[in-house]
C-alpha atoms as a PDB file:
ATOM      1  CA  UNK A   1     -51.147  20.040  95.581  1.00  0.00           C
ATOM      2  CA  UNK A   2     -47.380  20.154  95.313  1.00  0.00           C
ATOM      3  CA  UNK A   3     -47.750  22.076  92.010  1.00  0.00           C
ATOM      4  CA  UNK A   4     -49.732  24.707  93.825  1.00  0.00           C
ATOM      5  CA  UNK A   5     -47.116  24.964  96.544  1.00  0.00           C
ATOM      6  CA  UNK A   6     -44.156  25.335  94.176  1.00  0.00           C
ATOM      7  CA  UNK A   7     -46.104  27.303  91.582  1.00  0.00           C
ATOM      8  CA  UNK A   8     -44.803  25.322  88.597  1.00  0.00           C
ATOM      9  CA  UNK A   9     -46.574  23.011  86.210  1.00  0.00           C
ATOM     10  CA  UNK A  10     -45.000  20.191  84.264  1.00  0.00           C
ATOM     11  CA  UNK A  11     -44.799  20.962  80.532  1.00  0.00           C
ATOM     12  CA  UNK A  12     -46.805  18.821  78.158  1.00  0.00           C
ATOM     13  CA  UNK A  13     -44.939  16.445  75.884  1.00  0.00           C
ATOM     14  CA  UNK A  14     -44.781  17.665  72.310  1.00  0.00           C
ATOM     15  CA  UNK A  15     -44.360  15.606  69.172  1.00  0.00           C
ATOM     16  CA  UNK A  16     -41.870  17.013  66.683  1.00  0.00           C
ATOM     17  CA  UNK A  17     -42.764  15.721  63.177  1.00  0.00           C
ATOM     18  CA  UNK A  18     -39.465  16.788  61.591  1.00  0.00           C
ATOM     19  CA  UNK A  19     -37.022  14.243  60.239  1.00  0.00           C
ATOM     20  CA  UNK A  20     -33.306  14.891  60.578  1.00  0.00           C
ATOM     21  CA  UNK A  21     -30.118  13.035  59.683  1.00  0.00           C
ATOM     22  CA  UNK A  22     -29.977  11.377  63.093  1.00  0.00           C
ATOM     23  CA  UNK A  23     -33.370   9.760  62.511  1.00  0.00           C
ATOM     24  CA  UNK A  24     -32.326   8.543  59.058  1.00  0.00           C
ATOM     25  CA  UNK A  25     -29.012   7.229  60.402  1.00  0.00           C
ATOM     26  CA  UNK A  26     -30.787   5.406  63.239  1.00  0.00           C
ATOM     27  CA  UNK A  27     -33.309   3.798  60.874  1.00  0.00           C
ATOM     28  CA  UNK A  28     -30.570   2.807  58.408  1.00  0.00           C
ATOM     29  CA  UNK A  29     -28.451   1.255  61.157  1.00  0.00           C
ATOM     30  CA  UNK A  30     -31.448  -0.752  62.412  1.00  0.00           C
ATOM     31  CA  UNK A  31     -32.052  -2.043  58.885  1.00  0.00           C
ATOM     32  CA  UNK A  32     -28.376  -2.916  58.370  1.00  0.00           C
ATOM     33  CA  UNK A  33     -28.148  -4.615  61.780  1.00  0.00           C
ATOM     34  CA  UNK A  34     -31.338  -6.604  61.125  1.00  0.00           C
ATOM     35  CA  UNK A  35     -30.129  -7.694  57.696  1.00  0.00           C
ATOM     36  CA  UNK A  36     -26.720  -8.672  59.064  1.00  0.00           C
ATOM     37  CA  UNK A  37     -28.329 -10.665  61.876  1.00  0.00           C
ATOM     38  CA  UNK A  38     -30.623 -12.435  59.409  1.00  0.00           C
ATOM     39  CA  UNK A  39     -27.815 -13.499  57.093  1.00  0.00           C
ATOM     40  CA  UNK A  40     -25.563 -14.388  60.014  1.00  0.00           C
ATOM     41  CA  UNK A  41     -28.204 -16.694  61.438  1.00  0.00           C
ATOM     42  CA  UNK A  42     -28.812 -18.152  57.982  1.00  0.00           C
ATOM     43  CA  UNK A  43     -25.128 -19.075  57.659  1.00  0.00           C
ATOM     44  CA  UNK A  44     -25.102 -20.527  61.183  1.00  0.00           C
ATOM     45  CA  UNK A  45     -28.153 -22.669  60.377  1.00  0.00           C
ATOM     46  CA  UNK A  46     -26.487 -23.968  57.215  1.00  0.00           C
ATOM     47  CA  UNK A  47     -23.401 -24.891  59.245  1.00  0.00           C
ATOM     48  CA  UNK A  48     -25.621 -26.574  61.804  1.00  0.00           C
ATOM     49  CA  UNK A  49     -27.372 -28.562  59.068  1.00  0.00           C
ATOM     50  CA  UNK A  50     -23.993 -29.774  57.782  1.00  0.00           C
ATOM     51  CA  UNK A  51     -22.927 -30.784  61.288  1.00  0.00           C
ATOM     52  CA  UNK A  52     -26.174 -32.682  61.849  1.00  0.00           C
ATOM     53  CA  UNK A  53     -25.724 -34.477  58.511  1.00  0.00           C
ATOM     54  CA  UNK A  54     -22.196 -35.523  59.530  1.00  0.00           C
ATOM     55  CA  UNK A  55     -23.454 -36.746  62.898  1.00  0.00           C
ATOM     56  CA  UNK A  56     -26.215 -38.755  61.211  1.00  0.00           C
ATOM     57  CA  UNK A  57     -23.650 -40.321  58.864  1.00  0.00           C
ATOM     58  CA  UNK A  58     -21.439 -41.206  61.820  1.00  0.00           C
ATOM     59  CA  UNK A  59     -24.393 -42.744  63.656  1.00  0.00           C
ATOM     60  CA  UNK A  60     -25.247 -44.868  60.626  1.00  0.00           C
ATOM     61  CA  UNK A  61     -21.658 -46.106  60.488  1.00  0.00           C
ATOM     62  CA  UNK A  62     -21.756 -46.832  64.212  1.00  0.00           C
ATOM     63  CA  UNK A  63     -24.998 -48.795  63.811  1.00  0.00           C
ATOM     64  CA  UNK A  64     -23.394 -50.825  61.026  1.00  0.00           C
ATOM     65  CA  UNK A  65     -20.403 -51.576  63.240  1.00  0.00           C
ATOM     66  CA  UNK A  66     -22.715 -52.604  66.084  1.00  0.00           C
ATOM     67  CA  UNK A  67     -24.568 -55.039  63.803  1.00  0.00           C
ATOM     68  CA  UNK A  68     -21.287 -56.537  62.623  1.00  0.00           C
ATOM     69  CA  UNK A  69     -20.096 -56.859  66.211  1.00  0.00           C
ATOM     70  CA  UNK A  70     -23.316 -58.597  67.217  1.00  0.00           C
ATOM     71  CA  UNK A  71     -22.946 -61.038  64.324  1.00  0.00           C
ATOM     72  CA  UNK A  72     -19.354 -61.782  65.278  1.00  0.00           C
ATOM     73  CA  UNK A  73     -20.386 -62.320  68.900  1.00  0.00           C
ATOM     74  CA  UNK A  74     -23.019 -64.814  67.786  1.00  0.00           C
ATOM     75  CA  UNK A  75     -20.486 -66.647  65.614  1.00  0.00           C
ATOM     76  CA  UNK A  76     -18.015 -66.787  68.496  1.00  0.00           C
ATOM     77  CA  UNK A  77     -20.701 -68.137  70.805  1.00  0.00           C
ATOM     78  CA  UNK A  78     -21.566 -70.797  68.244  1.00  0.00           C
ATOM     79  CA  UNK A  79     -17.915 -71.790  67.837  1.00  0.00           C
ATOM     80  CA  UNK A  80     -17.498 -71.885  71.614  1.00  0.00           C
ATOM     81  CA  UNK A  81     -20.475 -74.250  71.946  1.00  0.00           C
ATOM     82  CA  UNK A  82     -19.008 -76.549  69.287  1.00  0.00           C
ATOM     83  CA  UNK A  83     -15.624 -76.608  70.998  1.00  0.00           C
ATOM     84  CA  UNK A  84     -17.287 -77.369  74.332  1.00  0.00           C
ATOM     85  CA  UNK A  85     -19.122 -80.309  72.748  1.00  0.00           C
ATOM     86  CA  UNK A  86     -15.908 -81.626  71.256  1.00  0.00           C
ATOM     87  CA  UNK A  87     -14.012 -81.310  74.529  1.00  0.00           C
ATOM     88  CA  UNK A  88     -16.592 -83.280  76.519  1.00  0.00           C
ATOM     89  CA  UNK A  89     -15.604 -86.879  77.128  1.00  0.00           C
ATOM     90  CA  UNK A  90     -17.772 -89.295  75.238  1.00  0.00           C
ATOM     91  CA  UNK A  91     -20.521 -90.809  77.328  1.00  0.00           C
ATOM     92  CA  UNK A  92     -20.959 -94.496  77.009  1.00  0.00           C
ATOM     93  CA  UNK A  93     -24.500 -95.744  76.918  1.00  0.00           C
ATOM     94  CA  UNK A  94     -23.538 -99.407  77.319  1.00  0.00           C
ATOM     95  CA  UNK A  95     -24.672-101.126  80.508  1.00  0.00           C
END
């Protein structure tokens, strides 16, 4: 109804099948950007893998230290019990 009032129609969209340098440049830049992003992410993932490997190595070392600490704690507890037994006065069982 508004077209009838103003007397103008909207033009139909047309498809232009020609290829120009702008289209080629746009396609080439998309390909270059995609390739750069792919290789950039690949390098980042390799760095991440190396960091994870270092963290795993550090965790293994930490676990080894924790085991050694637990063993030393047990030895200290054992020595402490022996010292306590030696420090106790002897109990006489004679009536």
